[in-house]
Amino acid sequence: MTKTIRNIAYAPEHGFRGEADLYLPADTADATCLLVIHGGGWRAMDRFRFNTVCEMLAQDGYAALNANYRLTGDDPWPACGDDCVRAAQFLLAGGHPAMAPLDRRRIVVLGASAGGHLALMTGLQLPPERVAGIVDIAGPADLTTFWDVHGPERFGHLFGTPHATPAMLEAASPVTYVTETAPPLLCVHSGNDRLVPLSQSELIAEAYAEHGRSCEIHEYPGEGQAHGIWANETPSPPLLPHIRDRINTFIRSVTA
């Protein structure tokens, strides 16, 4: 039977936004660990959006730390990015006693939408030997081109100003951090995504190829406005079955 430990404070000074829930599989001995990062355009939602996803991960045999982070209404970039790195470090260090039996040598970082961007930024900035892989579900990877699509009117809040400079955009772009030691990457992206276009996954795949690193894109014709990744419209929806299966295959391949 799976188990959930709620309201773990990985950054207690941030209150609710510094909390996470730990989802544990029935067998915790040497279980693979994931840091899971919710979306919401960097300014909305919380970890509860991913409750069902984390429950499924635990059912599939993984341990998942489902983390909150500061939203841009609290603090602009890089606060949310710093929080996600801190949550990853908390998991790697075994910051809660229930993490002791888990395999924390290398973790997988997973996120969707803005959480996909944060998963990329986190996984690419941690020591590469501590990251088994990254799962980016419809996340912006190159903010310099993403800005051209959506402009500052919608996402200017990320930096606390609508006048983000090229240097600011580049410093917050995952493509900037791809190196010859970048962890394996799975990008999950609907070809019909109108919020974050498929070209964002293609751009980071190109950066990975330039550095000789492994990146796969799971492309499909998703429907709807919310990236086309959810099986239903409930507050905490499951991922579409084919996405769950593809993520499972990837995790097992990078942790074998």
C-alpha atoms as a PDB file:
ATOM      1  CA  MET A   1       0.000   0.000   0.000  1.00  0.00           C
ATOM      2  CA  THR A   2       1.307   3.432  -0.873  1.00  0.00           C
ATOM      3  CA  LYS A   3       1.717   6.130   1.768  1.00  0.00           C
ATOM      4  CA  THR A   4       1.731   9.926   1.751  1.00  0.00           C
ATOM      5  CA  ILE A   5       3.482  12.172   4.264  1.00  0.00           C
ATOM      6  CA  ARG A   6       2.107  15.688   3.999  1.00  0.00           C
ATOM      7  CA  ASN A   7       3.287  19.194   4.840  1.00  0.00           C
ATOM      8  CA  ILE A   8       7.020  18.552   4.957  1.00  0.00           C
ATOM      9  CA  ALA A   9       8.816  21.887   5.357  1.00  0.00           C
ATOM     10  CA  TYR A  10      11.826  21.935   3.055  1.00  0.00           C
ATOM     11  CA  ALA A  11      12.018  25.761   3.287  1.00  0.00           C
ATOM     12  CA  PRO A  12      10.163  26.598   6.535  1.00  0.00           C
ATOM     13  CA  GLU A  13      10.694  30.355   6.246  1.00  0.00           C
ATOM     14  CA  HIS A  14       8.376  30.379   3.207  1.00  0.00           C
ATOM     15  CA  GLY A  15       5.419  28.793   5.006  1.00  0.00           C
ATOM     16  CA  PHE A  16       2.956  27.025   2.710  1.00  0.00           C
ATOM     17  CA  ARG A  17       5.107  27.777  -0.324  1.00  0.00           C
ATOM     18  CA  GLY A  18       8.055  26.015   1.301  1.00  0.00           C
ATOM     19  CA  GLU A  19       6.166  22.773   1.878  1.00  0.00           C
ATOM     20  CA  ALA A  20       6.063  19.476   0.018  1.00  0.00           C
ATOM     21  CA  ASP A  21       4.286  16.121   0.243  1.00  0.00           C
ATOM     22  CA  LEU A  22       6.182  12.839  -0.009  1.00  0.00           C
ATOM     23  CA  TYR A  23       4.456   9.981  -1.824  1.00  0.00           C
ATOM     24  CA  LEU A  24       5.935   6.584  -1.038  1.00  0.00           C
ATOM     25  CA  PRO A  25       5.495   3.276  -2.878  1.00  0.00           C
ATOM     26  CA  ALA A  26       4.549   0.046  -1.115  1.00  0.00           C
ATOM     27  CA  ASP A  27       8.211  -1.038  -1.210  1.00  0.00           C
ATOM     28  CA  THR A  28      10.480   1.865  -0.276  1.00  0.00           C
ATOM     29  CA  ALA A  29      13.771  -0.072  -0.314  1.00  0.00           C
ATOM     30  CA  ASP A  30      15.992   1.588  -2.943  1.00  0.00           C
ATOM     31  CA  ALA A  31      12.964   3.165  -4.630  1.00  0.00           C
ATOM     32  CA  THR A  32      13.743   5.707  -7.347  1.00  0.00           C
ATOM     33  CA  CYS A  33      13.057   9.301  -6.255  1.00  0.00           C
ATOM     34  CA  LEU A  34      11.376  12.058  -8.230  1.00  0.00           C
ATOM     35  CA  LEU A  35      11.011  15.755  -7.562  1.00  0.00           C
ATOM     36  CA  VAL A  36       7.644  16.797  -9.018  1.00  0.00           C
ATOM     37  CA  ILE A  37       6.991  20.459  -9.889  1.00  0.00           C
ATOM     38  CA  HIS A  38       3.545  21.881 -10.612  1.00  0.00           C
ATOM     39  CA  GLY A  39       2.673  24.414 -13.301  1.00  0.00           C
ATOM     40  CA  GLY A  40       0.483  27.496 -13.272  1.00  0.00           C
ATOM     41  CA  GLY A  41       2.398  30.038 -15.322  1.00  0.00           C
ATOM     42  CA  TRP A  42       4.813  30.678 -12.419  1.00  0.00           C
ATOM     43  CA  ARG A  43       2.099  32.684 -10.651  1.00  0.00           C
ATOM     44  CA  ALA A  44      -0.748  30.263  -9.835  1.00  0.00           C
ATOM     45  CA  MET A  45      -1.657  26.795  -8.530  1.00  0.00           C
ATOM     46  CA  ASP A  46       0.128  24.677  -5.939  1.00  0.00           C
ATOM     47  CA  ARG A  47       1.332  21.134  -5.398  1.00  0.00           C
ATOM     48  CA  PHE A  48      -2.201  19.755  -4.962  1.00  0.00           C
ATOM     49  CA  ARG A  49      -2.648  19.980  -8.734  1.00  0.00           C
ATOM     50  CA  PHE A  50      -0.254  17.021  -8.967  1.00  0.00           C
ATOM     51  CA  ASN A  51      -1.728  14.850  -6.202  1.00  0.00           C
ATOM     52  CA  THR A  52      -3.121  12.271  -8.614  1.00  0.00           C
ATOM     53  CA  VAL A  53       0.041  12.228 -10.722  1.00  0.00           C
ATOM     54  CA  CYS A  54       2.133  11.565  -7.604  1.00  0.00           C
ATOM     55  CA  GLU A  55      -0.253   8.872  -6.406  1.00  0.00           C
ATOM     56  CA  MET A  56       0.183   7.139  -9.753  1.00  0.00           C
ATOM     57  CA  LEU A  57       3.960   7.472  -9.535  1.00  0.00           C
ATOM     58  CA  ALA A  58       3.864   5.817  -6.112  1.00  0.00           C
ATOM     59  CA  GLN A  59       1.652   3.049  -7.505  1.00  0.00           C
ATOM     60  CA  ASP A  60       4.259   2.537 -10.219  1.00  0.00           C
ATOM     61  CA  GLY A  61       6.949   2.015  -7.565  1.00  0.00           C
ATOM     62  CA  TYR A  62       8.528   5.468  -7.268  1.00  0.00           C
ATOM     63  CA  ALA A  63       8.883   7.947  -4.415  1.00  0.00           C
ATOM     64  CA  ALA A  64       7.728  11.442  -5.371  1.00  0.00           C
ATOM     65  CA  LEU A  65       8.362  14.703  -3.525  1.00  0.00           C
ATOM     66  CA  ASN A  66       5.549  17.004  -4.658  1.00  0.00           C
ATOM     67  CA  ALA A  67       6.820  20.509  -3.933  1.00  0.00           C
ATOM     68  CA  ASN A  68       5.373  23.979  -3.690  1.00  0.00           C
ATOM     69  CA  TYR A  69       7.497  27.028  -4.505  1.00  0.00           C
ATOM     70  CA  ARG A  70       7.148  30.781  -4.237  1.00  0.00           C
ATOM     71  CA  LEU A  71       4.981  32.276  -6.948  1.00  0.00           C
ATOM     72  CA  THR A  72       5.830  35.460  -8.783  1.00  0.00           C
ATOM     73  CA  GLY A  73       3.170  37.296  -6.802  1.00  0.00           C
ATOM     74  CA  ASP A  74       5.393  36.691  -3.769  1.00  0.00           C
ATOM     75  CA  ASP A  75       8.817  37.088  -5.361  1.00  0.00           C
ATOM     76  CA  PRO A  76       9.883  37.356  -9.017  1.00  0.00           C
ATOM     77  CA  TRP A  77      12.426  35.154 -10.742  1.00  0.00           C
ATOM     78  CA  PRO A  78      14.702  33.539  -9.636  1.00  0.00           C
ATOM     79  CA  ALA A  79      12.795  32.788  -6.391  1.00  0.00           C
ATOM     80  CA  CYS A  80      10.754  29.918  -7.838  1.00  0.00           C
ATOM     81  CA  GLY A  81      13.822  28.445  -9.497  1.00  0.00           C
ATOM     82  CA  ASP A  82      15.854  28.726  -6.300  1.00  0.00           C
ATOM     83  CA  ASP A  83      13.072  26.988  -4.353  1.00  0.00           C
ATOM     84  CA  CYS A  84      12.946  24.048  -6.749  1.00  0.00           C
ATOM     85  CA  VAL A  85      16.707  23.554  -6.527  1.00  0.00           C
ATOM     86  CA  ARG A  86      16.416  23.693  -2.749  1.00  0.00           C
ATOM     87  CA  ALA A  87      13.624  21.080  -2.775  1.00  0.00           C
ATOM     88  CA  ALA A  88      15.824  18.836  -4.914  1.00  0.00           C
ATOM     89  CA  GLN A  89      18.733  19.261  -2.520  1.00  0.00           C
ATOM     90  CA  PHE A  90      16.417  18.454   0.396  1.00  0.00           C
ATOM     91  CA  LEU A  91      15.442  15.205  -1.320  1.00  0.00           C
ATOM     92  CA  LEU A  92      19.010  14.307  -2.249  1.00  0.00           C
ATOM     93  CA  ALA A  93      20.143  14.920   1.337  1.00  0.00           C
ATOM     94  CA  GLY A  94      17.324  12.844   2.820  1.00  0.00           C
ATOM     95  CA  GLY A  95      15.856  15.784   4.708  1.00  0.00           C
ATOM     96  CA  HIS A  96      12.986  13.698   6.116  1.00  0.00           C
ATOM     97  CA  PRO A  97      13.456  10.382   7.993  1.00  0.00           C
ATOM     98  CA  ALA A  98      11.062   8.581   5.622  1.00  0.00           C
ATOM     99  CA  MET A  99      13.572   9.192   2.801  1.00  0.00           C
ATOM    100  CA  ALA A 100      16.236   7.014   4.435  1.00  0.00           C
ATOM    101  CA  PRO A 101      15.445   3.745   2.583  1.00  0.00           C
ATOM    102  CA  LEU A 102      15.072   5.415  -0.811  1.00  0.00           C
ATOM    103  CA  ASP A 103      17.682   5.450  -3.556  1.00  0.00           C
ATOM    104  CA  ARG A 104      18.705   9.109  -3.425  1.00  0.00           C
ATOM    105  CA  ARG A 105      21.979   8.783  -5.283  1.00  0.00           C
ATOM    106  CA  ARG A 106      20.340  10.122  -8.451  1.00  0.00           C
ATOM    107  CA  ILE A 107      16.886  11.635  -8.797  1.00  0.00           C
ATOM    108  CA  VAL A 108      14.514  12.308 -11.683  1.00  0.00           C
ATOM    109  CA  VAL A 109      13.073  15.827 -11.951  1.00  0.00           C
ATOM    110  CA  LEU A 110       9.585  16.100 -13.500  1.00  0.00           C
ATOM    111  CA  GLY A 111       7.346  19.083 -14.164  1.00  0.00           C
ATOM    112  CA  ALA A 112       4.622  20.361 -16.479  1.00  0.00           C
ATOM    113  CA  SER A 113       4.074  23.727 -18.167  1.00  0.00           C
ATOM    114  CA  ALA A 114       5.866  26.339 -16.009  1.00  0.00           C
ATOM    115  CA  GLY A 115       6.835  23.338 -13.892  1.00  0.00           C
ATOM    116  CA  GLY A 116       8.445  21.823 -16.982  1.00  0.00           C
ATOM    117  CA  HIS A 117      10.586  24.944 -17.301  1.00  0.00           C
ATOM    118  CA  LEU A 118      11.476  24.674 -13.601  1.00  0.00           C
ATOM    119  CA  ALA A 119      12.232  20.966 -13.942  1.00  0.00           C
ATOM    120  CA  LEU A 120      14.644  21.742 -16.762  1.00  0.00           C
ATOM    121  CA  MET A 121      16.304  24.564 -14.853  1.00  0.00           C
ATOM    122  CA  THR A 122      16.611  22.396 -11.731  1.00  0.00           C
ATOM    123  CA  GLY A 123      17.870  19.263 -13.437  1.00  0.00           C
ATOM    124  CA  LEU A 124      20.410  21.172 -15.520  1.00  0.00           C
ATOM    125  CA  GLN A 125      21.813  23.115 -12.555  1.00  0.00           C
ATOM    126  CA  LEU A 126      22.206  20.264 -10.075  1.00  0.00           C
ATOM    127  CA  PRO A 127      25.432  18.242 -10.142  1.00  0.00           C
ATOM    128  CA  PRO A 128      24.953  16.001 -13.208  1.00  0.00           C
ATOM    129  CA  GLU A 129      25.999  12.887 -11.322  1.00  0.00           C
ATOM    130  CA  ARG A 130      23.002  13.373  -8.998  1.00  0.00           C
ATOM    131  CA  VAL A 131      20.355  13.571 -11.752  1.00  0.00           C
ATOM    132  CA  ALA A 132      19.249  10.395 -13.528  1.00  0.00           C
ATOM    133  CA  GLY A 133      16.947  12.254 -15.897  1.00  0.00           C
ATOM    134  CA  ILE A 134      14.542  15.112 -16.537  1.00  0.00           C
ATOM    135  CA  VAL A 135      10.914  14.889 -17.693  1.00  0.00           C
ATOM    136  CA  ASP A 136       9.690  18.144 -19.242  1.00  0.00           C
ATOM    137  CA  ILE A 137       5.970  18.166 -20.017  1.00  0.00           C
ATOM    138  CA  ALA A 138       5.160  21.141 -22.254  1.00  0.00           C
ATOM    139  CA  GLY A 139       7.623  23.477 -20.592  1.00  0.00           C
ATOM    140  CA  PRO A 140       9.184  26.624 -22.070  1.00  0.00           C
ATOM    141  CA  ALA A 141      12.850  25.940 -22.788  1.00  0.00           C
ATOM    142  CA  ASP A 142      14.012  29.120 -24.528  1.00  0.00           C
ATOM    143  CA  LEU A 143      12.448  32.253 -23.054  1.00  0.00           C
ATOM    144  CA  THR A 144      14.025  34.476 -25.695  1.00  0.00           C
ATOM    145  CA  THR A 145      11.786  32.883 -28.343  1.00  0.00           C
ATOM    146  CA  PHE A 146       8.878  32.166 -25.979  1.00  0.00           C
ATOM    147  CA  TRP A 147       8.721  35.895 -25.278  1.00  0.00           C
ATOM    148  CA  ASP A 148       8.177  36.447 -28.983  1.00  0.00           C
ATOM    149  CA  VAL A 149       5.085  34.211 -28.847  1.00  0.00           C
ATOM    150  CA  HIS A 150       3.388  35.493 -25.701  1.00  0.00           C
ATOM    151  CA  GLY A 151       5.158  38.743 -24.920  1.00  0.00           C
ATOM    152  CA  PRO A 152       5.466  40.563 -21.618  1.00  0.00           C
ATOM    153  CA  GLU A 153       1.747  41.260 -21.240  1.00  0.00           C
ATOM    154  CA  ARG A 154       1.035  37.696 -20.136  1.00  0.00           C
ATOM    155  CA  PHE A 155       4.261  36.616 -18.472  1.00  0.00           C
ATOM    156  CA  GLY A 156       6.035  39.850 -17.566  1.00  0.00           C
ATOM    157  CA  HIS A 157       5.247  39.023 -13.940  1.00  0.00           C
ATOM    158  CA  LEU A 158       7.956  36.335 -14.058  1.00  0.00           C
ATOM    159  CA  PHE A 159      10.641  38.981 -13.711  1.00  0.00           C
ATOM    160  CA  GLY A 160       8.563  41.572 -11.894  1.00  0.00           C
ATOM    161  CA  THR A 161       8.807  43.865 -14.915  1.00  0.00           C
ATOM    162  CA  PRO A 162       7.432  43.835 -18.464  1.00  0.00           C
ATOM    163  CA  HIS A 163      10.832  45.033 -19.658  1.00  0.00           C
ATOM    164  CA  ALA A 164      12.887  41.852 -19.413  1.00  0.00           C
ATOM    165  CA  THR A 165      16.269  42.295 -21.063  1.00  0.00           C
ATOM    166  CA  PRO A 166      17.812  39.741 -23.418  1.00  0.00           C
ATOM    167  CA  ALA A 167      20.302  38.890 -20.676  1.00  0.00           C
ATOM    168  CA  MET A 168      17.475  38.212 -18.197  1.00  0.00           C
ATOM    169  CA  LEU A 169      15.662  35.966 -20.667  1.00  0.00           C
ATOM    170  CA  GLU A 170      18.808  34.057 -21.535  1.00  0.00           C
ATOM    171  CA  ALA A 171      19.727  33.517 -17.882  1.00  0.00           C
ATOM    172  CA  ALA A 172      16.258  32.026 -17.233  1.00  0.00           C
ATOM    173  CA  SER A 173      16.313  29.789 -20.327  1.00  0.00           C
ATOM    174  CA  PRO A 174      17.095  26.079 -19.872  1.00  0.00           C
ATOM    175  CA  VAL A 175      18.740  25.919 -23.311  1.00  0.00           C
ATOM    176  CA  THR A 176      21.487  28.128 -21.877  1.00  0.00           C
ATOM    177  CA  TYR A 177      22.471  25.425 -19.371  1.00  0.00           C
ATOM    178  CA  VAL A 178      22.784  22.400 -21.662  1.00  0.00           C
ATOM    179  CA  THR A 179      26.329  20.995 -21.567  1.00  0.00           C
ATOM    180  CA  GLU A 180      28.192  17.806 -22.430  1.00  0.00           C
ATOM    181  CA  THR A 181      27.113  16.395 -19.058  1.00  0.00           C
ATOM    182  CA  ALA A 182      23.385  17.238 -19.260  1.00  0.00           C
ATOM    183  CA  PRO A 183      21.145  14.480 -17.851  1.00  0.00           C
ATOM    184  CA  PRO A 184      18.977  12.423 -20.228  1.00  0.00           C
ATOM    185  CA  LEU A 185      15.796  14.296 -21.133  1.00  0.00           C
ATOM    186  CA  LEU A 186      12.275  13.307 -22.110  1.00  0.00           C
ATOM    187  CA  CYS A 187      10.081  16.066 -23.546  1.00  0.00           C
ATOM    188  CA  VAL A 188       6.342  15.366 -23.676  1.00  0.00           C
ATOM    189  CA  HIS A 189       4.518  17.766 -25.980  1.00  0.00           C
ATOM    190  CA  SER A 190       1.298  17.984 -27.937  1.00  0.00           C
ATOM    191  CA  GLY A 191       1.691  19.164 -31.497  1.00  0.00           C
ATOM    192  CA  ASN A 192      -1.502  21.171 -30.945  1.00  0.00           C
ATOM    193  CA  ASP A 193      -0.271  23.046 -27.875  1.00  0.00           C
ATOM    194  CA  ARG A 194      -1.048  26.725 -28.373  1.00  0.00           C
ATOM    195  CA  LEU A 195       0.143  27.893 -24.963  1.00  0.00           C
ATOM    196  CA  VAL A 196       3.679  26.508 -25.162  1.00  0.00           C
ATOM    197  CA  PRO A 197       4.399  25.537 -28.778  1.00  0.00           C
ATOM    198  CA  LEU A 198       6.105  22.274 -29.670  1.00  0.00           C
ATOM    199  CA  SER A 199       9.029  24.319 -30.992  1.00  0.00           C
ATOM    200  CA  GLN A 200      10.115  24.865 -27.366  1.00  0.00           C
ATOM    201  CA  SER A 201      10.823  21.153 -26.958  1.00  0.00           C
ATOM    202  CA  GLU A 202      12.458  21.075 -30.381  1.00  0.00           C
ATOM    203  CA  LEU A 203      14.812  23.889 -29.388  1.00  0.00           C
ATOM    204  CA  ILE A 204      16.130  22.112 -26.314  1.00  0.00           C
ATOM    205  CA  ALA A 205      16.367  18.869 -28.299  1.00  0.00           C
ATOM    206  CA  GLU A 206      18.608  20.753 -30.737  1.00  0.00           C
ATOM    207  CA  ALA A 207      20.766  22.023 -27.871  1.00  0.00           C
ATOM    208  CA  TYR A 208      21.065  18.478 -26.542  1.00  0.00           C
ATOM    209  CA  ALA A 209      22.049  17.177 -29.972  1.00  0.00           C
ATOM    210  CA  GLU A 210      24.718  19.868 -30.306  1.00  0.00           C
ATOM    211  CA  HIS A 211      26.283  18.616 -27.079  1.00  0.00           C
ATOM    212  CA  GLY A 212      25.876  14.929 -27.897  1.00  0.00           C
ATOM    213  CA  ARG A 213      23.339  14.275 -25.150  1.00  0.00           C
ATOM    214  CA  SER A 214      20.201  12.129 -25.129  1.00  0.00           C
ATOM    215  CA  CYS A 215      16.859  13.879 -25.604  1.00  0.00           C
ATOM    216  CA  GLU A 216      13.624  12.262 -26.759  1.00  0.00           C
ATOM    217  CA  ILE A 217      10.415  14.048 -27.721  1.00  0.00           C
ATOM    218  CA  HIS A 218       7.129  12.229 -27.172  1.00  0.00           C
ATOM    219  CA  GLU A 219       4.902  14.152 -29.586  1.00  0.00           C
ATOM    220  CA  TYR A 220       1.190  13.471 -29.994  1.00  0.00           C
ATOM    221  CA  PRO A 221      -1.971  15.328 -31.169  1.00  0.00           C
ATOM    222  CA  GLY A 222      -3.330  16.449 -27.791  1.00  0.00           C
ATOM    223  CA  GLU A 223      -6.632  18.276 -27.452  1.00  0.00           C
ATOM    224  CA  GLY A 224      -7.829  21.192 -25.369  1.00  0.00           C
ATOM    225  CA  GLN A 225      -6.336  24.399 -24.070  1.00  0.00           C
ATOM    226  CA  ALA A 226      -4.400  23.038 -21.059  1.00  0.00           C
ATOM    227  CA  HIS A 227      -1.549  21.564 -23.134  1.00  0.00           C
ATOM    228  CA  GLY A 228      -3.601  18.467 -23.993  1.00  0.00           C
ATOM    229  CA  ILE A 229      -1.949  16.376 -21.266  1.00  0.00           C
ATOM    230  CA  TRP A 230      -4.804  15.658 -18.834  1.00  0.00           C
ATOM    231  CA  ALA A 231      -7.223  12.717 -18.860  1.00  0.00           C
ATOM    232  CA  ASN A 232     -10.033  14.833 -17.360  1.00  0.00           C
ATOM    233  CA  GLU A 233     -10.793  18.324 -16.049  1.00  0.00           C
ATOM    234  CA  THR A 234     -10.805  17.611 -12.299  1.00  0.00           C
ATOM    235  CA  PRO A 235      -8.771  19.832  -9.911  1.00  0.00           C
ATOM    236  CA  SER A 236      -6.091  17.142  -9.635  1.00  0.00           C
ATOM    237  CA  PRO A 237      -6.300  15.243 -12.936  1.00  0.00           C
ATOM    238  CA  PRO A 238      -4.357  12.180 -14.063  1.00  0.00           C
ATOM    239  CA  LEU A 239      -2.076  12.382 -17.052  1.00  0.00           C
ATOM    240  CA  LEU A 240      -3.261  10.721 -20.234  1.00  0.00           C
ATOM    241  CA  PRO A 241      -2.447   6.982 -20.104  1.00  0.00           C
ATOM    242  CA  HIS A 242       0.046   7.111 -22.981  1.00  0.00           C
ATOM    243  CA  ILE A 243       1.951   9.906 -21.218  1.00  0.00           C
ATOM    244  CA  ARG A 244       2.078   7.915 -17.974  1.00  0.00           C
ATOM    245  CA  ASP A 245       3.370   4.896 -19.888  1.00  0.00           C
ATOM    246  CA  ARG A 246       6.018   6.905 -21.746  1.00  0.00           C
ATOM    247  CA  ILE A 247       7.261   8.496 -18.525  1.00  0.00           C
ATOM    248  CA  ASN A 248       7.438   5.078 -16.885  1.00  0.00           C
ATOM    249  CA  THR A 249       9.515   3.715 -19.756  1.00  0.00           C
ATOM    250  CA  PHE A 250      11.877   6.683 -19.581  1.00  0.00           C
ATOM    251  CA  ILE A 251      12.377   6.512 -15.803  1.00  0.00           C
ATOM    252  CA  ARG A 252      13.119   2.820 -15.932  1.00  0.00           C
ATOM    253  CA  SER A 253      15.599   3.333 -18.781  1.00  0.00           C
ATOM    254  CA  VAL A 254      17.615   6.011 -16.969  1.00  0.00           C
ATOM    255  CA  THR A 255      17.623   4.269 -13.585  1.00  0.00           C
ATOM    256  CA  ALA A 256      18.317   0.699 -14.738  1.00  0.00           C
END
